[in-house]
Each structure stands twice: as structure tokens, then as C-alpha cells.
N, C-alpha and C. Protein backbone atom coordinates (compact mmCIF):
# COMPACT_ATOMS: atom_id res chain seq x y z
N UNK A 1 10.97 3.39 -5.46
CA UNK A 1 11.21 4.58 -5.51
C UNK A 1 10.38 5.13 -6.87
N UNK A 2 9.90 6.49 -6.67
CA UNK A 2 9.16 6.48 -7.85
C UNK A 2 10.11 7.13 -9.28
N UNK A 3 9.76 6.53 -10.32
CA UNK A 3 10.49 6.91 -11.51
C UNK A 3 10.65 8.36 -11.96
N UNK A 4 11.53 9.01 -12.75
CA UNK A 4 11.56 10.38 -12.89
C UNK A 4 10.36 10.86 -13.47
N UNK A 5 9.88 11.95 -13.33
CA UNK A 5 9.02 12.80 -14.27
C UNK A 5 7.59 11.90 -13.57
N UNK A 6 7.45 10.91 -12.70
CA UNK A 6 6.36 10.50 -12.38
C UNK A 6 5.66 11.34 -10.81
N UNK A 7 4.77 11.61 -11.09
CA UNK A 7 3.72 12.22 -9.99
C UNK A 7 3.41 11.61 -8.90
N UNK A 8 4.08 11.84 -7.58
CA UNK A 8 3.54 11.04 -6.17
C UNK A 8 2.41 12.13 -5.82
N UNK A 9 1.42 11.14 -5.27
CA UNK A 9 0.26 11.68 -4.58
C UNK A 9 0.74 12.34 -3.42
N UNK A 10 -0.04 13.02 -2.85
CA UNK A 10 -0.13 14.10 -1.40
C UNK A 10 -0.54 12.90 -0.27
N UNK A 11 -0.53 12.58 0.64
CA UNK A 11 -0.64 12.02 1.69
C UNK A 11 -2.07 12.38 2.55
N UNK A 12 -2.65 11.62 2.91
CA UNK A 12 -3.85 12.32 3.64
C UNK A 12 -3.52 11.39 5.04
N UNK A 13 -4.27 12.09 5.87
CA UNK A 13 -3.91 11.49 7.44
C UNK A 13 -5.33 10.83 7.44
N UNK A 14 -5.17 9.46 8.39
CA UNK A 14 -6.18 8.27 8.55
C UNK A 14 -7.35 9.27 9.64
N UNK A 15 -8.32 8.23 9.29
CA UNK A 15 -9.33 8.72 10.35
C UNK A 15 -9.34 8.04 11.63
N UNK A 16 -8.84 8.78 12.93
CA UNK A 16 -8.71 8.09 13.89
C UNK A 16 -10.28 7.27 14.21
N UNK A 17 -9.84 5.90 14.88
CA UNK A 17 -11.33 4.79 14.91
C UNK A 17 -10.91 4.14 16.36
N UNK A 18 -11.72 4.23 17.31
CA UNK A 18 -11.33 3.12 18.59
C UNK A 18 -12.49 2.01 18.32
N UNK A 19 -12.12 0.79 18.48
CA UNK A 19 -12.63 -0.35 18.32
C UNK A 19 -13.56 -0.32 18.95
N UNK A 20 -15.08 -0.58 19.17
CA UNK A 20 -15.69 -0.91 20.59
C UNK A 20 -15.86 -2.24 20.97
N UNK A 21 -15.12 -2.85 21.61
CA UNK A 21 -15.68 -4.21 22.26
C UNK A 21 -16.16 -4.57 23.63
N UNK A 22 -16.64 -3.11 24.06
CA UNK A 22 -17.30 -3.57 25.46
C UNK A 22 -18.22 -4.27 25.51
N UNK A 23 -19.25 -4.55 24.30
CA UNK A 23 -20.27 -5.46 24.43
C UNK A 23 -19.56 -6.51 24.65
N UNK A 24 -18.52 -7.17 23.75
CA UNK A 24 -18.00 -8.54 24.24
C UNK A 24 -17.72 -8.73 25.46
N UNK A 25 -17.18 -8.07 26.34
CA UNK A 25 -16.58 -8.00 27.06
C UNK A 25 -18.06 -8.30 28.64
N UNK A 26 -19.00 -7.30 28.27
CA UNK A 26 -20.26 -7.38 29.10
C UNK A 26 -20.60 -8.68 28.86
N UNK A 27 -20.68 -8.84 27.68
CA UNK A 27 -21.64 -10.36 27.35
C UNK A 27 -20.65 -11.55 27.97
N UNK A 28 -19.47 -11.73 27.65
CA UNK A 28 -18.60 -12.63 28.24
C UNK A 28 -18.08 -13.06 29.33
N UNK A 29 -18.06 -11.56 30.08
CA UNK A 29 -17.61 -11.27 31.56
C UNK A 29 -16.04 -11.51 31.29
N UNK A 30 -15.24 -11.87 30.09
CA UNK A 30 -13.79 -11.58 30.24
C UNK A 30 -12.94 -10.15 29.55
N UNK A 31 -12.20 -10.01 30.06
CA UNK A 31 -11.53 -8.62 29.99
C UNK A 31 -10.95 -8.63 28.40
N UNK A 32 -11.39 -8.06 27.56
CA UNK A 32 -11.15 -8.07 26.50
C UNK A 32 -9.88 -6.62 25.79
N UNK A 33 -9.34 -7.16 24.47
CA UNK A 33 -8.05 -5.87 24.44
C UNK A 33 -9.00 -4.53 23.90
N UNK A 34 -8.22 -3.43 24.55
CA UNK A 34 -8.39 -2.29 23.79
C UNK A 34 -7.78 -1.73 22.50
N UNK A 35 -8.44 -1.76 21.42
CA UNK A 35 -7.87 -1.24 20.25
C UNK A 35 -8.26 0.10 19.84
N UNK A 36 -7.01 0.79 19.45
CA UNK A 36 -6.91 2.57 19.04
C UNK A 36 -6.20 2.32 17.60
N UNK A 37 -6.83 2.74 16.79
CA UNK A 37 -6.28 2.76 15.12
C UNK A 37 -6.73 3.95 14.23
N UNK A 38 -6.23 4.04 13.15
CA UNK A 38 -6.80 4.82 11.94
C UNK A 38 -6.98 4.36 11.00
N UNK A 39 -8.12 4.70 10.49
CA UNK A 39 -8.27 3.86 9.00
C UNK A 39 -7.82 4.69 7.97
N UNK A 40 -6.76 4.06 7.23
CA UNK A 40 -6.41 4.71 5.90
C UNK A 40 -6.94 5.27 5.22
N UNK A 41 -6.74 6.52 4.18
CA UNK A 41 -7.40 7.05 3.29
C UNK A 41 -6.24 7.37 2.22
N UNK A 42 -6.55 6.42 1.05
CA UNK A 42 -5.45 6.14 0.11
C UNK A 42 -5.89 7.45 -0.93
N UNK A 43 -4.71 7.91 -1.17
CA UNK A 43 -5.12 9.13 -2.20
C UNK A 43 -4.34 8.94 -3.59
N UNK A 44 -4.89 9.00 -4.60
CA UNK A 44 -4.27 8.45 -5.78
C UNK A 44 -3.92 9.58 -6.59
N UNK A 45 -2.34 9.07 -6.99
CA UNK A 45 -1.95 10.47 -7.90
C UNK A 45 -2.14 10.42 -9.55
N UNK A 46 -1.44 11.32 -10.23
CA UNK A 46 -1.78 11.20 -11.31
C UNK A 46 -0.91 9.97 -12.64
N UNK A 47 -1.38 9.38 -13.18
CA UNK A 47 -0.84 8.65 -13.47
C UNK A 47 0.38 9.20 -14.60
N UNK A 48 1.25 8.12 -15.00
CA UNK A 48 2.52 8.80 -15.96
C UNK A 48 1.81 8.82 -17.22
N UNK A 49 2.24 9.83 -17.74
CA UNK A 49 1.66 10.68 -19.31
C UNK A 49 2.45 9.67 -20.20
N UNK A 50 1.83 8.97 -20.72
CA UNK A 50 2.43 8.15 -21.94
C UNK A 50 2.95 8.85 -22.75
N UNK A 51 4.02 8.57 -23.49
CA UNK A 51 5.17 9.17 -24.63
C UNK A 51 5.00 8.47 -25.88
N UNK A 52 5.41 9.45 -26.77
CA UNK A 52 5.47 8.47 -28.16
C UNK A 52 6.94 8.36 -28.48
N UNK A 53 7.45 7.52 -29.10
CA UNK A 53 8.83 7.08 -29.62
C UNK A 53 9.18 7.32 -30.79
N UNK A 54 10.07 7.47 -31.52
CA UNK A 54 10.31 7.57 -32.89
C UNK A 54 10.42 6.08 -33.05
N UNK A 55 9.81 5.79 -34.54
CA UNK A 55 9.64 4.32 -34.77
C UNK A 55 8.53 3.37 -34.01
N UNK A 56 7.64 3.90 -32.77
CA UNK A 56 6.62 3.21 -32.52
C UNK A 56 5.83 3.80 -32.85
N UNK A 57 4.42 2.81 -32.84
CA UNK A 57 3.01 3.03 -33.47
C UNK A 57 2.23 3.58 -32.11
N UNK A 58 2.67 2.80 -31.20
CA UNK A 58 1.63 3.20 -29.88
C UNK A 58 2.45 3.42 -28.82
N UNK A 59 1.94 4.80 -28.06
CA UNK A 59 2.47 4.99 -26.69
C UNK A 59 3.00 4.36 -25.49
N UNK A 60 4.10 4.62 -24.80
CA UNK A 60 4.52 4.09 -24.24
C UNK A 60 4.79 4.70 -22.83
N UNK A 61 4.13 4.08 -21.73
CA UNK A 61 3.49 2.74 -21.65
C UNK A 61 2.00 2.91 -22.24
N UNK A 62 1.24 2.11 -22.54
CA UNK A 62 0.18 1.72 -23.09
C UNK A 62 -0.81 2.12 -21.71
N UNK A 63 -0.72 1.31 -20.93
CA UNK A 63 -1.21 0.79 -19.39
C UNK A 63 -0.14 1.77 -18.45
N UNK A 64 -0.52 2.93 -18.14
CA UNK A 64 0.58 3.66 -16.93
C UNK A 64 0.33 2.95 -15.75
N UNK A 65 1.18 3.07 -14.98
CA UNK A 65 1.16 3.17 -13.78
C UNK A 65 0.45 3.85 -12.71
N UNK A 66 -0.33 3.55 -11.85
CA UNK A 66 -0.81 4.88 -11.41
C UNK A 66 -0.41 4.96 -9.32
N UNK A 67 0.01 6.22 -8.91
CA UNK A 67 0.88 5.91 -7.77
C UNK A 67 -0.45 5.97 -6.84
N UNK A 68 -0.19 5.33 -5.57
CA UNK A 68 -1.20 5.42 -4.48
C UNK A 68 -0.58 5.77 -3.05
N UNK A 69 -0.79 6.65 -2.37
CA UNK A 69 -0.25 6.78 -1.14
C UNK A 69 -1.34 6.82 -0.04
N UNK A 70 -0.83 6.39 1.20
CA UNK A 70 -1.78 6.19 2.46
C UNK A 70 -0.85 6.68 3.65
N UNK A 71 -1.67 7.01 4.69
CA UNK A 71 -0.65 6.85 6.30
C UNK A 71 -1.39 5.72 6.71
N UNK A 72 -0.42 4.90 7.20
CA UNK A 72 -0.97 4.04 8.39
C UNK A 72 -0.93 4.90 9.50
N UNK A 73 -1.72 5.30 10.19
CA UNK A 73 -1.65 5.92 11.27
C UNK A 73 -1.39 5.10 12.72
N UNK A 74 -1.08 5.61 13.64
CA UNK A 74 -0.82 5.20 15.18
C UNK A 74 -1.97 4.02 15.46
N UNK A 75 -1.28 2.77 15.90
CA UNK A 75 -2.03 1.91 16.22
C UNK A 75 -1.56 1.26 17.72
N UNK A 76 -2.84 1.18 18.77
CA UNK A 76 -2.18 0.87 19.93
C UNK A 76 -3.17 -0.30 20.31
N UNK A 77 -3.00 -1.29 20.46
CA UNK A 77 -3.49 -2.76 21.40
C UNK A 77 -3.31 -2.63 22.41
N UNK A 78 -3.94 -2.87 23.54
CA UNK A 78 -3.55 -3.38 24.88
C UNK A 78 -4.43 -4.24 25.30
N UNK A 79 -4.02 -5.07 26.45
CA UNK A 79 -5.04 -6.25 26.88
C UNK A 79 -4.32 -6.38 28.27
N UNK A 80 -5.18 -6.87 29.19
CA UNK A 80 -5.07 -7.45 30.26
C UNK A 80 -4.22 -8.74 30.35
N UNK A 81 -2.82 -9.02 30.96
CA UNK A 81 -2.34 -10.16 31.17
C UNK A 81 -2.61 -10.70 32.68
N UNK A 82 -3.40 -11.69 33.19
CA UNK A 82 -3.69 -12.30 34.13
C UNK A 82 -3.03 -13.03 34.52
N UNK A 83 -2.53 -13.56 35.82
CA UNK A 83 -1.57 -14.28 36.47
C UNK A 83 0.02 -14.03 35.58
N UNK A 84 0.58 -13.46 35.33
CA UNK A 84 1.61 -13.32 34.24
C UNK A 84 2.77 -13.82 34.79
N UNK A 85 3.01 -14.29 36.02
CA UNK A 85 3.98 -14.55 36.69
C UNK A 85 3.43 -15.99 37.52
N UNK A 86 2.15 -16.47 37.33
CA UNK A 86 1.65 -17.49 38.02
C UNK A 86 0.69 -17.33 39.03
N UNK A 87 1.01 -16.16 39.33
CA UNK A 87 0.39 -15.55 40.71
C UNK A 87 -0.70 -14.01 40.30
N UNK A 88 -2.04 -14.38 40.82
CA UNK A 88 -2.73 -13.35 40.88
C UNK A 88 -1.96 -11.84 41.02
N UNK A 89 -1.59 -11.71 41.98
CA UNK A 89 -0.65 -10.32 42.28
C UNK A 89 0.15 -9.98 41.13
N UNK A 90 0.52 -11.04 39.91
CA UNK A 90 1.07 -10.21 38.98
C UNK A 90 0.54 -9.90 37.67
N UNK A 91 -0.74 -9.94 37.96
CA UNK A 91 -1.33 -9.19 36.80
C UNK A 91 -0.82 -7.85 36.28
N UNK A 92 -0.65 -8.25 34.94
CA UNK A 92 -0.14 -6.99 33.97
C UNK A 92 -0.75 -6.58 32.89
N UNK A 93 -0.13 -6.02 31.86
CA UNK A 93 -0.98 -5.38 30.84
C UNK A 93 0.27 -5.58 29.53
N UNK A 94 -0.36 -6.18 28.41
CA UNK A 94 0.67 -6.06 27.33
C UNK A 94 0.31 -5.27 26.20
N UNK A 95 1.07 -4.58 25.52
CA UNK A 95 0.68 -3.76 24.56
C UNK A 95 1.32 -3.91 23.43
N UNK A 96 1.32 -3.67 21.87
CA UNK A 96 1.45 -3.61 20.96
C UNK A 96 1.11 -2.28 19.97
N UNK A 97 2.52 -1.56 19.75
CA UNK A 97 1.81 -0.23 19.31
C UNK A 97 3.00 0.10 17.87
N UNK A 98 2.02 0.51 17.05
CA UNK A 98 2.68 0.79 15.67
C UNK A 98 2.73 2.22 15.40
N UNK A 99 3.87 2.97 15.51
CA UNK A 99 3.72 4.50 15.08
C UNK A 99 3.25 4.84 13.59
N UNK A 100 2.94 5.77 13.16
CA UNK A 100 2.25 6.53 11.87
C UNK A 100 3.39 6.16 10.79
N UNK A 101 3.31 5.91 9.52
CA UNK A 101 3.97 5.55 8.80
C UNK A 101 3.46 5.86 7.21
N UNK A 102 4.20 6.22 6.04
CA UNK A 102 3.69 6.38 5.07
C UNK A 102 3.79 5.20 4.31
N UNK A 103 3.06 4.85 3.62
CA UNK A 103 3.18 3.47 2.64
C UNK A 103 2.70 4.38 1.05
N UNK A 104 3.63 3.90 0.27
CA UNK A 104 3.48 4.32 -1.31
C UNK A 104 3.54 3.16 -2.25
N UNK A 105 2.55 3.26 -2.84
CA UNK A 105 2.52 2.44 -4.18
C UNK A 105 2.23 2.94 -5.49
N UNK A 106 2.72 1.62 -6.38
CA UNK A 106 2.38 2.09 -7.85
C UNK A 106 1.41 0.77 -8.37
N UNK A 107 0.48 0.64 -8.91
CA UNK A 107 -0.22 -0.23 -9.59
C UNK A 107 0.61 -1.05 -10.88
N UNK A 108 0.47 -1.90 -11.32
CA UNK A 108 1.24 -2.22 -12.30
C UNK A 108 0.74 -1.80 -13.64
N UNK A 109 1.57 -1.96 -14.60
CA UNK A 109 1.38 -1.24 -15.97
C UNK A 109 1.79 -2.08 -17.14
N UNK A 110 1.42 -1.52 -18.21
CA UNK A 110 1.82 -2.55 -19.09
C UNK A 110 2.24 -1.77 -20.58
N UNK A 111 3.08 -2.56 -21.23
CA UNK A 111 3.98 -1.56 -22.35
C UNK A 111 3.44 -2.87 -23.52
N UNK A 112 2.75 -2.25 -24.37
CA UNK A 112 2.60 -3.61 -25.25
C UNK A 112 3.00 -2.40 -27.14
N UNK A 113 3.39 -3.29 -27.88
CA UNK A 113 3.98 -3.07 -29.24
C UNK A 113 3.08 -3.17 -30.31
N UNK A 114 2.92 -2.50 -31.22
CA UNK A 114 1.96 -2.89 -32.08
C UNK A 114 2.32 -4.22 -33.17
N UNK A 115 1.41 -4.69 -33.84
CA UNK A 115 1.92 -6.19 -34.49
C UNK A 115 2.22 -5.66 -36.10
N UNK A 116 2.43 -4.16 -36.12
CA UNK A 116 2.77 -3.77 -37.40
C UNK A 116 3.83 -2.72 -37.37
N UNK A 117 4.92 -2.63 -38.52
CA UNK A 117 5.90 -1.83 -38.62
C UNK A 117 5.50 -0.47 -39.19
N UNK A 118 6.72 0.39 -39.26
CA UNK A 118 6.05 1.49 -39.96
C UNK A 118 6.02 1.55 -41.23
N UNK A 119 5.41 2.14 -41.79
CA UNK A 119 5.19 2.38 -43.18
C UNK A 119 6.68 1.90 -44.10
N UNK A 120 6.80 0.96 -44.78
CA UNK A 120 7.70 0.21 -45.77
C UNK A 120 8.01 0.70 -47.02
N UNK A 121 8.98 1.34 -47.51
CA UNK A 121 9.29 1.97 -48.76
C UNK A 121 9.16 1.01 -49.71
N UNK A 122 9.86 -0.12 -49.42
CA UNK A 122 10.08 -1.40 -49.89
C UNK A 122 8.79 -2.30 -50.27
N UNK A 123 7.65 -2.02 -49.69
CA UNK A 123 6.42 -2.57 -49.41
C UNK A 123 5.41 -2.01 -50.01
N UNK A 124 5.93 -1.02 -51.07
CA UNK A 124 4.80 -0.08 -51.53
C UNK A 124 4.12 0.91 -50.45
N UNK A 125 4.80 1.14 -49.21
CA UNK A 125 4.45 1.91 -48.20
C UNK A 125 3.79 1.18 -47.41
N UNK A 126 3.41 0.20 -47.35
CA UNK A 126 2.76 -0.60 -46.45
C UNK A 126 3.55 -1.07 -45.29
N UNK A 127 2.83 -1.26 -44.34
CA UNK A 127 3.39 -1.80 -42.81
C UNK A 127 3.44 -3.28 -43.18
N UNK A 128 4.54 -3.81 -42.66
CA UNK A 128 5.10 -5.09 -42.39
C UNK A 128 4.19 -5.74 -41.31
N UNK A 129 4.07 -7.12 -41.15
CA UNK A 129 3.49 -7.55 -40.00
C UNK A 129 4.84 -8.09 -39.27
N UNK A 130 4.82 -7.81 -37.66
CA UNK A 130 5.93 -8.30 -36.85
C UNK A 130 5.12 -8.79 -35.40
N UNK A 131 6.01 -9.47 -34.81
CA UNK A 131 5.47 -10.02 -33.51
C UNK A 131 5.25 -8.77 -32.77
N UNK A 132 4.11 -8.91 -31.74
CA UNK A 132 3.88 -7.74 -30.95
C UNK A 132 4.81 -8.08 -29.71
N UNK A 133 4.83 -6.73 -29.13
CA UNK A 133 6.10 -7.07 -27.80
C UNK A 133 5.36 -6.65 -26.90
N UNK A 134 5.10 -7.05 -25.76
CA UNK A 134 4.56 -7.02 -24.29
C UNK A 134 5.30 -6.98 -23.48
N UNK A 135 5.34 -6.02 -22.49
CA UNK A 135 5.86 -5.97 -21.16
C UNK A 135 4.92 -5.19 -20.17
N UNK A 136 5.13 -6.01 -18.85
CA UNK A 136 4.50 -5.48 -17.99
C UNK A 136 5.34 -4.68 -17.02
N UNK A 137 5.01 -3.72 -16.04
CA UNK A 137 5.85 -2.80 -15.35
C UNK A 137 5.09 -3.41 -13.86
N UNK A 138 6.20 -3.68 -13.17
CA UNK A 138 6.06 -4.52 -11.91
C UNK A 138 5.21 -3.71 -11.16
N UNK A 139 4.51 -3.90 -10.17
CA UNK A 139 3.65 -2.95 -9.04
C UNK A 139 4.68 -2.64 -7.92
N UNK A 140 4.95 -1.80 -7.36
CA UNK A 140 5.81 -1.00 -6.16
C UNK A 140 4.86 -1.15 -4.87
N UNK A 141 5.70 -1.43 -3.94
CA UNK A 141 5.11 -0.76 -2.42
C UNK A 141 6.80 -0.33 -1.62
N UNK A 142 6.27 0.49 -1.04
CA UNK A 142 7.79 1.02 -0.24
C UNK A 142 6.73 1.63 1.07
N UNK A 143 7.59 1.62 2.13
CA UNK A 143 7.25 1.80 3.34
C UNK A 143 7.88 1.38 4.25
N UNK A 144 7.74 1.62 5.61
CA UNK A 144 8.62 0.87 6.85
C UNK A 144 8.04 0.94 8.09
N UNK A 145 6.88 0.30 8.28
CA UNK A 145 5.85 0.21 9.14
C UNK A 145 6.90 -0.90 10.48
N UNK A 146 6.36 -0.63 11.47
CA UNK A 146 7.35 -1.12 12.88
C UNK A 146 6.57 -1.44 13.65
N UNK A 147 6.66 -2.01 14.47
CA UNK A 147 5.63 -2.50 15.78
C UNK A 147 6.59 -2.16 16.93
N UNK A 148 6.36 -1.87 18.21
CA UNK A 148 6.87 -2.30 19.30
C UNK A 148 5.75 -2.82 20.55
N UNK A 149 6.37 -4.00 21.10
CA UNK A 149 5.67 -4.99 22.04
C UNK A 149 6.40 -4.50 23.49
N UNK A 150 5.08 -4.46 24.32
CA UNK A 150 5.65 -4.21 25.68
C UNK A 150 4.52 -4.88 26.90
N UNK A 151 5.40 -5.12 27.80
CA UNK A 151 4.41 -6.15 28.49
C UNK A 151 5.13 -4.97 30.12
N UNK A 152 3.79 -4.58 30.90
CA UNK A 152 3.77 -4.16 31.68
C UNK A 152 3.46 -4.94 33.20
N UNK A 153 4.28 -4.97 33.84
CA UNK A 153 4.28 -5.46 35.41
C UNK A 153 3.63 -4.64 36.68
N UNK A 154 3.18 -5.22 37.40
CA UNK A 154 2.44 -4.20 38.48
C UNK A 154 3.64 -3.88 39.21
N UNK A 155 3.90 -2.64 39.97
CA UNK A 155 4.62 -2.07 40.67
C UNK A 155 4.50 -2.56 42.09
């Protein structure tokens, strides 16, 4: 889920592609699967804007997370299934179909603290040394891909 105030990218459709396997079938003499799918086109959104906080010398996050979204297009793989029930007359066809779905991701980000404190009045206005803080923003991936398996017998 996107954090509040973070822009999410628009989603572009994929480019439909038929995978040409006819040459393999001609060369080997074997029936090969037919594959139709879509190449996803990732769309990059705007990174989260770093913000300054009172008492911090560096903005947070120093390395912002970048949202990326894509549409996983419809995919259909069909293949002949010879002798499905042990007899030539039961030749059939199997298929795996995956409907289109949207996948959203966010790249990892980093939060880094300064090794210096804010100016200190008790130290003649000079900053003190401190242990720097380091934090990582975890990457995210959100989507709901699914697949349908089908077996067709002759009638």
C-alpha cells in the first residue's frame, strides 16, 4: 500500500506479443505450445519528496523510494496433449491462462542521520559528534496475479 502523500504512477498497457515457435515445430516435427502474452511496460512515478524535520540536519528520507507500476497482460499458453487417456483418440489440449493484473512496486529507500548535532550553545555554538543513524525503507510489491489451468478432451 502506498504511503500517504506518495504519488503512484499511472499504469500503461503491455505490448501484445505472440511467441513464434513454428520454426521449432517444423524442425523437430513435434507439436509445440502456442504462447500469447504481453510484454509489461513499467511506468515510474514521482519519488517521495524529502522533508526537513526540526532538529535534523539532513532531509528524511535522504534516498527516497520510487514507485513503479506495470500491467501484467493476458497470457495464454496452449499445448497439444497426445494420448491423454492412453489412447490416440483421446488427444486433447491443455492450457494455462493468466488474466491481466496490475503490479505496483516501490524501490528501497534510505534514512541517514548526520554525525553532528545541531549547534550547541554550551560548546561555543559548535555541533557535537554523535553516532549517525541509518535506516532502510523496505521495498514493496503489491499485486494479485492468478492462473487458470485447463484440459480439453475431445468430444
